């Protein structure tokens, strides 16, 4: 469950207009059967549609970026979606592992000058300009591999490792694309990514349990005397509410810590991340207001509300 990539819903959003390059769509001859490619699309169109179709909150932060940064973050986001979809949509763990191994090889080849997938073809022109490194993409894949190999976490320290790979690293790359000038902004991006991912985990407890995954640490379930079978059976209780309130309080603390870490020199460049913070934190408050009724439903903000929150941050600088 990658940050942003996991924010999928039924809304299909209008495409962001990024002027495509004129290079033709790549041949599918060298690609394995599991790599689906629309031959009529060039790479830029492919990643735009991948991003827009997700309905992700990330989309609203992209809208206000200059064209070159918007193209880069869209391609990177599409990469995250591709590898996350392997975990979420492929039922056979062995097949999913093979697909992730293919992506590891594709990333290595792309940074060696031989991308073959529309996503890497769209992303590679931006890696030098924005300091995107191979280790960033490989870390995201590693996080997805953890999803295949591990469905429970003993304690929060273990969960943090997973969150760093699928959210902290994503935040680091996003901060660079947005225009980071101060190295200290990386710590802010990691902390904010962790806050985002914990918000996702809170929102998706029921949905993830149906997939056989419970991200809430075992030690914390024990602390609040909540049994795993109660979550999988969608059984609410005062104990479950207390557990989720504990998770939400920690997420709020991480938001506060992240914002305190953002250097003043980068507050303007990092507005897209602040838009995301506004959207995610509003969602968290909605979940809290609804008494954490997350086992049987996925609570979401409407597209119009997300757009309003993003615009308010862009225009007024307020969450």
C-alpha atoms as a PDB file:
ATOM      1  CA  UNK A   1       0.000   0.000   0.000  1.00  0.00           C
ATOM      2  CA  UNK A   2       2.041   2.921  -1.273  1.00  0.00           C
ATOM      3  CA  UNK A   3       1.331   6.479  -0.219  1.00  0.00           C
ATOM      4  CA  UNK A   4      -0.861   8.064  -2.882  1.00  0.00           C
ATOM      5  CA  UNK A   5      -0.938   4.887  -4.915  1.00  0.00           C
ATOM      6  CA  UNK A   6      -3.239   3.411  -2.326  1.00  0.00           C
ATOM      7  CA  UNK A   7      -5.656   6.314  -2.592  1.00  0.00           C
ATOM      8  CA  UNK A   8      -7.867   4.766  -5.231  1.00  0.00           C
ATOM      9  CA  UNK A   9     -11.592   5.342  -5.603  1.00  0.00           C
ATOM     10  CA  UNK A  10     -14.283   5.215  -8.252  1.00  0.00           C
ATOM     11  CA  UNK A  11     -13.903   8.804  -9.432  1.00  0.00           C
ATOM     12  CA  UNK A  12     -12.129   9.316 -12.729  1.00  0.00           C
ATOM     13  CA  UNK A  13     -10.553  12.736 -12.883  1.00  0.00           C
ATOM     14  CA  UNK A  14      -9.989  14.941 -15.942  1.00  0.00           C
ATOM     15  CA  UNK A  15      -6.534  14.603 -17.390  1.00  0.00           C
ATOM     16  CA  UNK A  16      -3.862  17.159 -16.604  1.00  0.00           C
ATOM     17  CA  UNK A  17      -2.645  18.714 -19.798  1.00  0.00           C
ATOM     18  CA  UNK A  18       1.021  17.926 -20.295  1.00  0.00           C
ATOM     19  CA  UNK A  19       2.273  18.441 -23.810  1.00  0.00           C
ATOM     20  CA  UNK A  20       3.557  15.040 -24.979  1.00  0.00           C
ATOM     21  CA  UNK A  21       6.837  14.484 -26.720  1.00  0.00           C
ATOM     22  CA  UNK A  22       6.669  13.278 -30.282  1.00  0.00           C
ATOM     23  CA  UNK A  23       8.575  10.035 -29.757  1.00  0.00           C
ATOM     24  CA  UNK A  24       6.468   6.994 -30.735  1.00  0.00           C
ATOM     25  CA  UNK A  25       5.029   4.525 -28.272  1.00  0.00           C
ATOM     26  CA  UNK A  26       7.531   1.793 -27.440  1.00  0.00           C
ATOM     27  CA  UNK A  27       7.320  -1.644 -28.982  1.00  0.00           C
ATOM     28  CA  UNK A  28       5.822  -4.341 -26.789  1.00  0.00           C
ATOM     29  CA  UNK A  29       7.993  -7.060 -28.296  1.00  0.00           C
ATOM     30  CA  UNK A  30      10.597  -7.019 -25.519  1.00  0.00           C
ATOM     31  CA  UNK A  31       8.092  -6.770 -22.659  1.00  0.00           C
ATOM     32  CA  UNK A  32       6.865  -9.754 -20.628  1.00  0.00           C
ATOM     33  CA  UNK A  33       3.240 -10.769 -20.998  1.00  0.00           C
ATOM     34  CA  UNK A  34       2.230  -9.270 -17.650  1.00  0.00           C
ATOM     35  CA  UNK A  35       3.223  -5.754 -18.744  1.00  0.00           C
ATOM     36  CA  UNK A  36       0.147  -4.212 -20.287  1.00  0.00           C
ATOM     37  CA  UNK A  37       0.731  -1.319 -22.623  1.00  0.00           C
ATOM     38  CA  UNK A  38      -1.642   0.721 -24.739  1.00  0.00           C
ATOM     39  CA  UNK A  39       0.078   0.920 -28.097  1.00  0.00           C
ATOM     40  CA  UNK A  40      -1.853   4.010 -29.159  1.00  0.00           C
ATOM     41  CA  UNK A  41      -0.536   6.010 -26.175  1.00  0.00           C
ATOM     42  CA  UNK A  42       2.778   7.737 -25.860  1.00  0.00           C
ATOM     43  CA  UNK A  43       4.435   7.536 -22.412  1.00  0.00           C
ATOM     44  CA  UNK A  44       3.160  10.942 -21.242  1.00  0.00           C
ATOM     45  CA  UNK A  45      -0.437  10.084 -22.080  1.00  0.00           C
ATOM     46  CA  UNK A  46      -0.072   6.722 -20.355  1.00  0.00           C
ATOM     47  CA  UNK A  47       1.113   8.213 -17.055  1.00  0.00           C
ATOM     48  CA  UNK A  48      -1.464  11.013 -17.182  1.00  0.00           C
ATOM     49  CA  UNK A  49      -4.268   8.498 -17.507  1.00  0.00           C
ATOM     50  CA  UNK A  50      -2.747   6.315 -14.802  1.00  0.00           C
ATOM     51  CA  UNK A  51      -2.700   9.271 -12.404  1.00  0.00           C
ATOM     52  CA  UNK A  52      -6.106  10.652 -13.326  1.00  0.00           C
ATOM     53  CA  UNK A  53      -7.899   7.305 -13.152  1.00  0.00           C
ATOM     54  CA  UNK A  54      -6.775   6.720  -9.572  1.00  0.00           C
ATOM     55  CA  UNK A  55      -8.825   9.531  -8.065  1.00  0.00           C
ATOM     56  CA  UNK A  56      -5.930  10.100  -5.668  1.00  0.00           C
ATOM     57  CA  UNK A  57      -5.675  13.145  -3.464  1.00  0.00           C
ATOM     58  CA  UNK A  58      -2.219  13.607  -4.985  1.00  0.00           C
ATOM     59  CA  UNK A  59      -3.901  14.760  -8.166  1.00  0.00           C
ATOM     60  CA  UNK A  60      -5.058  17.998  -6.576  1.00  0.00           C
ATOM     61  CA  UNK A  61      -1.550  18.922  -5.493  1.00  0.00           C
ATOM     62  CA  UNK A  62      -0.294  18.325  -9.046  1.00  0.00           C
ATOM     63  CA  UNK A  63      -2.719  20.835 -10.546  1.00  0.00           C
ATOM     64  CA  UNK A  64      -0.850  23.912  -9.344  1.00  0.00           C
ATOM     65  CA  UNK A  65       2.644  22.864 -10.423  1.00  0.00           C
ATOM     66  CA  UNK A  66       4.576  24.234 -13.417  1.00  0.00           C
ATOM     67  CA  UNK A  67       4.433  21.928 -16.441  1.00  0.00           C
ATOM     68  CA  UNK A  68       7.878  20.351 -16.042  1.00  0.00           C
ATOM     69  CA  UNK A  69       7.377  19.550 -12.355  1.00  0.00           C
ATOM     70  CA  UNK A  70       3.846  18.327 -13.023  1.00  0.00           C
ATOM     71  CA  UNK A  71       5.139  15.973 -15.721  1.00  0.00           C
ATOM     72  CA  UNK A  72       7.825  14.609 -13.397  1.00  0.00           C
ATOM     73  CA  UNK A  73       5.563  14.017 -10.394  1.00  0.00           C
ATOM     74  CA  UNK A  74       2.884  12.479 -12.615  1.00  0.00           C
ATOM     75  CA  UNK A  75       5.393   9.991 -14.045  1.00  0.00           C
ATOM     76  CA  UNK A  76       6.747   9.163 -10.591  1.00  0.00           C
ATOM     77  CA  UNK A  77       3.255   8.756  -9.192  1.00  0.00           C
ATOM     78  CA  UNK A  78       2.353   6.450 -12.094  1.00  0.00           C
ATOM     79  CA  UNK A  79       5.389   4.325 -11.244  1.00  0.00           C
ATOM     80  CA  UNK A  80       4.180   4.037  -7.646  1.00  0.00           C
ATOM     81  CA  UNK A  81       0.729   3.066  -8.889  1.00  0.00           C
ATOM     82  CA  UNK A  82       2.137   0.394 -11.191  1.00  0.00           C
ATOM     83  CA  UNK A  83       4.088  -1.421  -8.495  1.00  0.00           C
ATOM     84  CA  UNK A  84       1.387  -0.975  -5.854  1.00  0.00           C
ATOM     85  CA  UNK A  85      -1.214  -2.435  -8.207  1.00  0.00           C
ATOM     86  CA  UNK A  86       0.891  -5.590  -8.424  1.00  0.00           C
ATOM     87  CA  UNK A  87       0.356  -6.152  -4.701  1.00  0.00           C
ATOM     88  CA  UNK A  88      -3.302  -5.140  -4.634  1.00  0.00           C
ATOM     89  CA  UNK A  89      -4.532  -6.803  -7.825  1.00  0.00           C
ATOM     90  CA  UNK A  90      -2.463  -9.975  -8.326  1.00  0.00           C
ATOM     91  CA  UNK A  91      -3.844 -12.801  -6.201  1.00  0.00           C
ATOM     92  CA  UNK A  92      -0.998 -15.276  -6.742  1.00  0.00           C
ATOM     93  CA  UNK A  93       1.911 -14.247  -4.504  1.00  0.00           C
ATOM     94  CA  UNK A  94       4.419 -16.015  -6.728  1.00  0.00           C
ATOM     95  CA  UNK A  95       3.227 -14.176  -9.823  1.00  0.00           C
ATOM     96  CA  UNK A  96       3.239 -10.873  -7.938  1.00  0.00           C
ATOM     97  CA  UNK A  97       6.816 -11.504  -6.797  1.00  0.00           C
ATOM     98  CA  UNK A  98       7.845 -12.169 -10.405  1.00  0.00           C
ATOM     99  CA  UNK A  99       6.256  -8.917 -11.520  1.00  0.00           C
ATOM    100  CA  UNK A 100       8.042  -6.938  -8.827  1.00  0.00           C
ATOM    101  CA  UNK A 101      11.302  -8.628  -9.826  1.00  0.00           C
ATOM    102  CA  UNK A 102      10.612  -7.514 -13.394  1.00  0.00           C
ATOM    103  CA  UNK A 103      10.158  -3.955 -12.147  1.00  0.00           C
ATOM    104  CA  UNK A 104      13.457  -4.116 -10.262  1.00  0.00           C
ATOM    105  CA  UNK A 105      15.172  -5.105 -13.493  1.00  0.00           C
ATOM    106  CA  UNK A 106      13.287  -2.476 -15.481  1.00  0.00           C
ATOM    107  CA  UNK A 107      14.381   0.284 -13.089  1.00  0.00           C
ATOM    108  CA  UNK A 108      18.008  -0.853 -13.276  1.00  0.00           C
ATOM    109  CA  UNK A 109      17.855  -0.931 -17.069  1.00  0.00           C
ATOM    110  CA  UNK A 110      16.127   2.452 -17.191  1.00  0.00           C
ATOM    111  CA  UNK A 111      18.889   4.092 -15.168  1.00  0.00           C
ATOM    112  CA  UNK A 112      21.316   2.328 -17.486  1.00  0.00           C
ATOM    113  CA  UNK A 113      19.729   4.110 -20.424  1.00  0.00           C
ATOM    114  CA  UNK A 114      17.325   1.411 -21.630  1.00  0.00           C
ATOM    115  CA  UNK A 115      13.784   2.014 -20.299  1.00  0.00           C
ATOM    116  CA  UNK A 116      11.089  -0.089 -21.970  1.00  0.00           C
ATOM    117  CA  UNK A 117       7.866   0.588 -20.041  1.00  0.00           C
ATOM    118  CA  UNK A 118       5.784   3.739 -20.675  1.00  0.00           C
ATOM    119  CA  UNK A 119       6.218   4.762 -17.032  1.00  0.00           C
ATOM    120  CA  UNK A 120      10.007   4.628 -17.073  1.00  0.00           C
ATOM    121  CA  UNK A 121      10.085   6.198 -20.539  1.00  0.00           C
ATOM    122  CA  UNK A 122       8.064   9.115 -19.138  1.00  0.00           C
ATOM    123  CA  UNK A 123      10.081   9.371 -15.922  1.00  0.00           C
ATOM    124  CA  UNK A 124      13.683   9.089 -17.099  1.00  0.00           C
ATOM    125  CA  UNK A 125      13.855  12.511 -18.834  1.00  0.00           C
ATOM    126  CA  UNK A 126      13.268  14.099 -15.399  1.00  0.00           C
ATOM    127  CA  UNK A 127      15.596  12.141 -13.120  1.00  0.00           C
ATOM    128  CA  UNK A 128      18.691  14.296 -13.606  1.00  0.00           C
ATOM    129  CA  UNK A 129      16.840  17.603 -13.293  1.00  0.00           C
ATOM    130  CA  UNK A 130      15.146  16.675 -10.024  1.00  0.00           C
ATOM    131  CA  UNK A 131      17.726  14.376  -8.435  1.00  0.00           C
ATOM    132  CA  UNK A 132      15.633  11.217  -8.629  1.00  0.00           C
ATOM    133  CA  UNK A 133      17.894   8.254  -7.942  1.00  0.00           C
ATOM    134  CA  UNK A 134      17.612   4.559  -8.700  1.00  0.00           C
ATOM    135  CA  UNK A 135      17.662   3.829  -4.950  1.00  0.00           C
ATOM    136  CA  UNK A 136      14.406   5.756  -4.560  1.00  0.00           C
ATOM    137  CA  UNK A 137      12.516   3.582  -7.021  1.00  0.00           C
ATOM    138  CA  UNK A 138      14.082   0.370  -5.761  1.00  0.00           C
ATOM    139  CA  UNK A 139      13.075   1.296  -2.201  1.00  0.00           C
ATOM    140  CA  UNK A 140       9.442   1.654  -3.263  1.00  0.00           C
ATOM    141  CA  UNK A 141       9.575  -1.788  -4.881  1.00  0.00           C
ATOM    142  CA  UNK A 142      11.169  -3.186  -1.707  1.00  0.00           C
ATOM    143  CA  UNK A 143       8.242  -1.828   0.279  1.00  0.00           C
ATOM    144  CA  UNK A 144       5.832  -3.609  -2.044  1.00  0.00           C
ATOM    145  CA  UNK A 145       7.803  -6.820  -1.605  1.00  0.00           C
ATOM    146  CA  UNK A 146       7.289  -6.451   2.145  1.00  0.00           C
ATOM    147  CA  UNK A 147       3.544  -6.438   1.472  1.00  0.00           C
ATOM    148  CA  UNK A 148       3.892  -9.823  -0.215  1.00  0.00           C
ATOM    149  CA  UNK A 149       6.043 -11.315   2.523  1.00  0.00           C
ATOM    150  CA  UNK A 150       4.579  -9.774   5.668  1.00  0.00           C
ATOM    151  CA  UNK A 151       0.951  -9.169   6.626  1.00  0.00           C
ATOM    152  CA  UNK A 152       1.463  -8.230  10.296  1.00  0.00           C
ATOM    153  CA  UNK A 153       3.923  -6.042  12.229  1.00  0.00           C
ATOM    154  CA  UNK A 154       5.027  -6.843  15.753  1.00  0.00           C
ATOM    155  CA  UNK A 155       5.558  -3.240  16.845  1.00  0.00           C
ATOM    156  CA  UNK A 156       5.566   0.323  15.583  1.00  0.00           C
ATOM    157  CA  UNK A 157       9.291   0.239  14.842  1.00  0.00           C
ATOM    158  CA  UNK A 158       8.696  -2.522  12.303  1.00  0.00           C
ATOM    159  CA  UNK A 159       5.775  -0.664  10.781  1.00  0.00           C
ATOM    160  CA  UNK A 160       7.895   2.476  10.500  1.00  0.00           C
ATOM    161  CA  UNK A 161      10.410   0.628   8.323  1.00  0.00           C
ATOM    162  CA  UNK A 162       7.648  -0.330   5.917  1.00  0.00           C
ATOM    163  CA  UNK A 163       6.187   3.187   5.975  1.00  0.00           C
ATOM    164  CA  UNK A 164       9.587   4.694   5.211  1.00  0.00           C
ATOM    165  CA  UNK A 165       9.887   2.635   2.033  1.00  0.00           C
ATOM    166  CA  UNK A 166       6.379   3.201   0.688  1.00  0.00           C
ATOM    167  CA  UNK A 167       5.777   6.734   1.986  1.00  0.00           C
ATOM    168  CA  UNK A 168       8.902   8.410   3.366  1.00  0.00           C
ATOM    169  CA  UNK A 169      10.906   7.759   0.208  1.00  0.00           C
ATOM    170  CA  UNK A 170       7.947   8.865  -1.911  1.00  0.00           C
ATOM    171  CA  UNK A 171       7.833  12.092   0.095  1.00  0.00           C
ATOM    172  CA  UNK A 172      11.566  12.599  -0.402  1.00  0.00           C
ATOM    173  CA  UNK A 173      11.262  12.317  -4.183  1.00  0.00           C
ATOM    174  CA  UNK A 174       8.185  14.540  -4.236  1.00  0.00           C
ATOM    175  CA  UNK A 175       9.979  17.235  -2.223  1.00  0.00           C
ATOM    176  CA  UNK A 176      12.812  17.239  -4.753  1.00  0.00           C
ATOM    177  CA  UNK A 177      10.414  17.529  -7.670  1.00  0.00           C
ATOM    178  CA  UNK A 178       8.483  20.313  -5.950  1.00  0.00           C
ATOM    179  CA  UNK A 179      11.687  22.365  -5.760  1.00  0.00           C
ATOM    180  CA  UNK A 180      13.462  21.609  -2.475  1.00  0.00           C
ATOM    181  CA  UNK A 181      16.360  23.996  -1.808  1.00  0.00           C
ATOM    182  CA  UNK A 182      17.249  23.174   1.814  1.00  0.00           C
ATOM    183  CA  UNK A 183      18.613  19.692   2.654  1.00  0.00           C
ATOM    184  CA  UNK A 184      16.705  19.847   5.950  1.00  0.00           C
ATOM    185  CA  UNK A 185      13.466  19.578   3.982  1.00  0.00           C
ATOM    186  CA  UNK A 186      14.147  15.867   3.512  1.00  0.00           C
ATOM    187  CA  UNK A 187      13.475  15.213   7.214  1.00  0.00           C
ATOM    188  CA  UNK A 188      10.167  17.078   6.878  1.00  0.00           C
ATOM    189  CA  UNK A 189       9.256  14.973   3.826  1.00  0.00           C
ATOM    190  CA  UNK A 190      10.009  11.698   5.611  1.00  0.00           C
ATOM    191  CA  UNK A 191       7.973  12.693   8.655  1.00  0.00           C
ATOM    192  CA  UNK A 192       5.058  13.941   6.573  1.00  0.00           C
ATOM    193  CA  UNK A 193       5.085  10.754   4.511  1.00  0.00           C
ATOM    194  CA  UNK A 194       4.834   8.719   7.710  1.00  0.00           C
ATOM    195  CA  UNK A 195       1.860  10.822   8.841  1.00  0.00           C
ATOM    196  CA  UNK A 196       0.169  10.292   5.471  1.00  0.00           C
ATOM    197  CA  UNK A 197       0.724   6.543   5.577  1.00  0.00           C
ATOM    198  CA  UNK A 198      -0.641   6.220   9.099  1.00  0.00           C
ATOM    199  CA  UNK A 199      -3.722   8.133   7.960  1.00  0.00           C
ATOM    200  CA  UNK A 200      -4.092   5.645   5.107  1.00  0.00           C
ATOM    201  CA  UNK A 201      -3.742   2.731   7.514  1.00  0.00           C
ATOM    202  CA  UNK A 202      -6.412   4.178   9.813  1.00  0.00           C
ATOM    203  CA  UNK A 203      -8.785   4.752   6.906  1.00  0.00           C
ATOM    204  CA  UNK A 204      -8.218   1.333   5.319  1.00  0.00           C
ATOM    205  CA  UNK A 205      -8.255  -0.961   8.370  1.00  0.00           C
ATOM    206  CA  UNK A 206     -11.350  -2.834   7.210  1.00  0.00           C
ATOM    207  CA  UNK A 207     -10.392  -2.981   3.544  1.00  0.00           C
ATOM    208  CA  UNK A 208      -6.868  -4.185   4.318  1.00  0.00           C
ATOM    209  CA  UNK A 209      -8.193  -6.842   6.694  1.00  0.00           C
ATOM    210  CA  UNK A 210     -10.303  -8.237   3.865  1.00  0.00           C
ATOM    211  CA  UNK A 211      -7.044  -8.640   1.918  1.00  0.00           C
ATOM    212  CA  UNK A 212      -5.481 -10.500   4.816  1.00  0.00           C
ATOM    213  CA  UNK A 213      -3.371  -7.602   6.102  1.00  0.00           C
ATOM    214  CA  UNK A 214      -3.528  -5.819   9.442  1.00  0.00           C
ATOM    215  CA  UNK A 215      -0.974  -3.026   9.584  1.00  0.00           C
ATOM    216  CA  UNK A 216      -1.800  -1.983  13.157  1.00  0.00           C
ATOM    217  CA  UNK A 217       1.082  -3.297  15.302  1.00  0.00           C
ATOM    218  CA  UNK A 218       0.397  -6.502  17.221  1.00  0.00           C
ATOM    219  CA  UNK A 219       1.805  -4.952  20.408  1.00  0.00           C
ATOM    220  CA  UNK A 220      -0.737  -2.133  20.191  1.00  0.00           C
ATOM    221  CA  UNK A 221      -3.659  -4.466  19.543  1.00  0.00           C
ATOM    222  CA  UNK A 222      -2.574  -6.305  22.695  1.00  0.00           C
ATOM    223  CA  UNK A 223      -2.253  -3.015  24.576  1.00  0.00           C
ATOM    224  CA  UNK A 224      -5.915  -2.220  23.864  1.00  0.00           C
ATOM    225  CA  UNK A 225      -7.076  -5.858  24.055  1.00  0.00           C
ATOM    226  CA  UNK A 226      -8.291  -5.890  20.448  1.00  0.00           C
ATOM    227  CA  UNK A 227      -8.165  -9.278  18.713  1.00  0.00           C
ATOM    228  CA  UNK A 228      -7.309  -9.658  15.033  1.00  0.00           C
ATOM    229  CA  UNK A 229     -10.460 -11.713  14.439  1.00  0.00           C
ATOM    230  CA  UNK A 230     -12.576  -8.807  15.715  1.00  0.00           C
ATOM    231  CA  UNK A 231     -11.132  -6.640  12.954  1.00  0.00           C
ATOM    232  CA  UNK A 232     -11.598  -9.242  10.230  1.00  0.00           C
ATOM    233  CA  UNK A 233     -15.181  -9.829  11.406  1.00  0.00           C
ATOM    234  CA  UNK A 234     -15.801  -6.054  11.487  1.00  0.00           C
ATOM    235  CA  UNK A 235     -16.705  -6.042  15.154  1.00  0.00           C
ATOM    236  CA  UNK A 236     -16.671  -2.563  16.691  1.00  0.00           C
ATOM    237  CA  UNK A 237     -16.069  -2.017  20.400  1.00  0.00           C
ATOM    238  CA  UNK A 238     -14.961   0.653  22.835  1.00  0.00           C
ATOM    239  CA  UNK A 239     -11.589  -1.088  22.835  1.00  0.00           C
ATOM    240  CA  UNK A 240     -11.302  -0.750  19.050  1.00  0.00           C
ATOM    241  CA  UNK A 241     -12.287   2.919  19.234  1.00  0.00           C
ATOM    242  CA  UNK A 242      -9.625   3.539  21.888  1.00  0.00           C
ATOM    243  CA  UNK A 243      -7.025   1.775  19.722  1.00  0.00           C
ATOM    244  CA  UNK A 244      -7.925   3.896  16.712  1.00  0.00           C
ATOM    245  CA  UNK A 245      -7.962   7.092  18.766  1.00  0.00           C
ATOM    246  CA  UNK A 246      -4.412   6.236  19.830  1.00  0.00           C
ATOM    247  CA  UNK A 247      -3.422   5.806  16.165  1.00  0.00           C
ATOM    248  CA  UNK A 248      -5.031   9.115  15.193  1.00  0.00           C
ATOM    249  CA  UNK A 249      -3.320  11.008  18.007  1.00  0.00           C
ATOM    250  CA  UNK A 250       0.034   9.686  16.847  1.00  0.00           C
ATOM    251  CA  UNK A 251      -0.714  10.717  13.268  1.00  0.00           C
ATOM    252  CA  UNK A 252      -1.646  14.240  14.402  1.00  0.00           C
ATOM    253  CA  UNK A 253       1.595  14.455  16.361  1.00  0.00           C
ATOM    254  CA  UNK A 254       3.538  13.451  13.247  1.00  0.00           C
ATOM    255  CA  UNK A 255       1.790  16.127  11.181  1.00  0.00           C
ATOM    256  CA  UNK A 256       2.762  18.722  13.785  1.00  0.00           C
ATOM    257  CA  UNK A 257       6.346  17.485  13.914  1.00  0.00           C
ATOM    258  CA  UNK A 258       6.623  17.462  10.122  1.00  0.00           C
ATOM    259  CA  UNK A 259       5.364  21.019   9.743  1.00  0.00           C
ATOM    260  CA  UNK A 260       7.777  22.173  12.440  1.00  0.00           C
ATOM    261  CA  UNK A 261      10.647  20.608  10.468  1.00  0.00           C
ATOM    262  CA  UNK A 262       9.877  22.425   7.206  1.00  0.00           C
ATOM    263  CA  UNK A 263      12.488  25.175   6.692  1.00  0.00           C
ATOM    264  CA  UNK A 264      11.016  28.613   6.033  1.00  0.00           C
ATOM    265  CA  UNK A 265      13.064  28.840   2.840  1.00  0.00           C
ATOM    266  CA  UNK A 266      11.166  25.897   1.355  1.00  0.00           C
ATOM    267  CA  UNK A 267       7.647  26.667   2.515  1.00  0.00           C
ATOM    268  CA  UNK A 268       6.741  28.142  -0.872  1.00  0.00           C
ATOM    269  CA  UNK A 269       8.266  25.328  -2.938  1.00  0.00           C
ATOM    270  CA  UNK A 270       6.635  22.671  -0.766  1.00  0.00           C
ATOM    271  CA  UNK A 271       3.096  24.005  -1.086  1.00  0.00           C
ATOM    272  CA  UNK A 272       1.950  20.854  -2.921  1.00  0.00           C
ATOM    273  CA  UNK A 273       2.971  18.784   0.102  1.00  0.00           C
ATOM    274  CA  UNK A 274       1.179  21.223   2.379  1.00  0.00           C
ATOM    275  CA  UNK A 275      -1.921  20.841   0.205  1.00  0.00           C
ATOM    276  CA  UNK A 276      -1.690  17.115   0.745  1.00  0.00           C
ATOM    277  CA  UNK A 277      -1.287  17.650   4.486  1.00  0.00           C
ATOM    278  CA  UNK A 278      -4.450  19.731   4.515  1.00  0.00           C
ATOM    279  CA  UNK A 279      -6.406  17.090   2.599  1.00  0.00           C
ATOM    280  CA  UNK A 280      -5.111  14.135   4.604  1.00  0.00           C
ATOM    281  CA  UNK A 281      -5.544  15.803   7.967  1.00  0.00           C
ATOM    282  CA  UNK A 282      -9.080  16.853   7.095  1.00  0.00           C
ATOM    283  CA  UNK A 283      -9.788  13.231   6.197  1.00  0.00           C
ATOM    284  CA  UNK A 284      -8.329  12.096   9.519  1.00  0.00           C
ATOM    285  CA  UNK A 285     -10.601  14.519  11.372  1.00  0.00           C
ATOM    286  CA  UNK A 286     -13.607  13.205   9.444  1.00  0.00           C
ATOM    287  CA  UNK A 287     -12.729   9.674  10.513  1.00  0.00           C
ATOM    288  CA  UNK A 288     -12.386  10.828  14.121  1.00  0.00           C
ATOM    289  CA  UNK A 289     -15.708  12.669  13.967  1.00  0.00           C
ATOM    290  CA  UNK A 290     -17.352   9.476  12.718  1.00  0.00           C
ATOM    291  CA  UNK A 291     -16.012   7.477  15.690  1.00  0.00           C
ATOM    292  CA  UNK A 292     -13.662   5.406  13.518  1.00  0.00           C
ATOM    293  CA  UNK A 293     -16.332   3.525  11.594  1.00  0.00           C
ATOM    294  CA  UNK A 294     -13.704   2.179   9.204  1.00  0.00           C
ATOM    295  CA  UNK A 295     -14.236  -1.579   9.355  1.00  0.00           C
ATOM    296  CA  UNK A 296     -17.190  -1.688   6.968  1.00  0.00           C
ATOM    297  CA  UNK A 297     -16.593   1.351   4.791  1.00  0.00           C
ATOM    298  CA  UNK A 298     -13.924   3.584   3.312  1.00  0.00           C
ATOM    299  CA  UNK A 299     -14.385   7.188   4.403  1.00  0.00           C
ATOM    300  CA  UNK A 300     -13.372   9.732   1.768  1.00  0.00           C
ATOM    301  CA  UNK A 301     -13.574  13.427   0.991  1.00  0.00           C
ATOM    302  CA  UNK A 302     -15.431  14.520  -2.121  1.00  0.00           C
ATOM    303  CA  UNK A 303     -13.362  15.708  -5.114  1.00  0.00           C
ATOM    304  CA  UNK A 304     -14.814  19.206  -4.715  1.00  0.00           C
ATOM    305  CA  UNK A 305     -13.752  19.393  -1.085  1.00  0.00           C
ATOM    306  CA  UNK A 306     -10.242  18.221  -1.943  1.00  0.00           C
ATOM    307  CA  UNK A 307     -10.003  20.847  -4.656  1.00  0.00           C
ATOM    308  CA  UNK A 308     -11.171  23.536  -2.227  1.00  0.00           C
ATOM    309  CA  UNK A 309      -8.593  22.525   0.379  1.00  0.00           C
ATOM    310  CA  UNK A 310      -5.823  22.518  -2.234  1.00  0.00           C
ATOM    311  CA  UNK A 311      -6.868  25.912  -3.596  1.00  0.00           C
ATOM    312  CA  UNK A 312      -7.060  27.413  -0.100  1.00  0.00           C
ATOM    313  CA  UNK A 313      -3.486  26.362   0.601  1.00  0.00           C
ATOM    314  CA  UNK A 314      -2.279  27.592  -2.787  1.00  0.00           C
ATOM    315  CA  UNK A 315      -4.054  30.947  -2.642  1.00  0.00           C
ATOM    316  CA  UNK A 316      -4.150  31.732   1.054  1.00  0.00           C
ATOM    317  CA  UNK A 317      -1.431  29.544   2.551  1.00  0.00           C
ATOM    318  CA  UNK A 318      -3.884  28.141   5.098  1.00  0.00           C
ATOM    319  CA  UNK A 319      -4.894  24.601   6.005  1.00  0.00           C
END
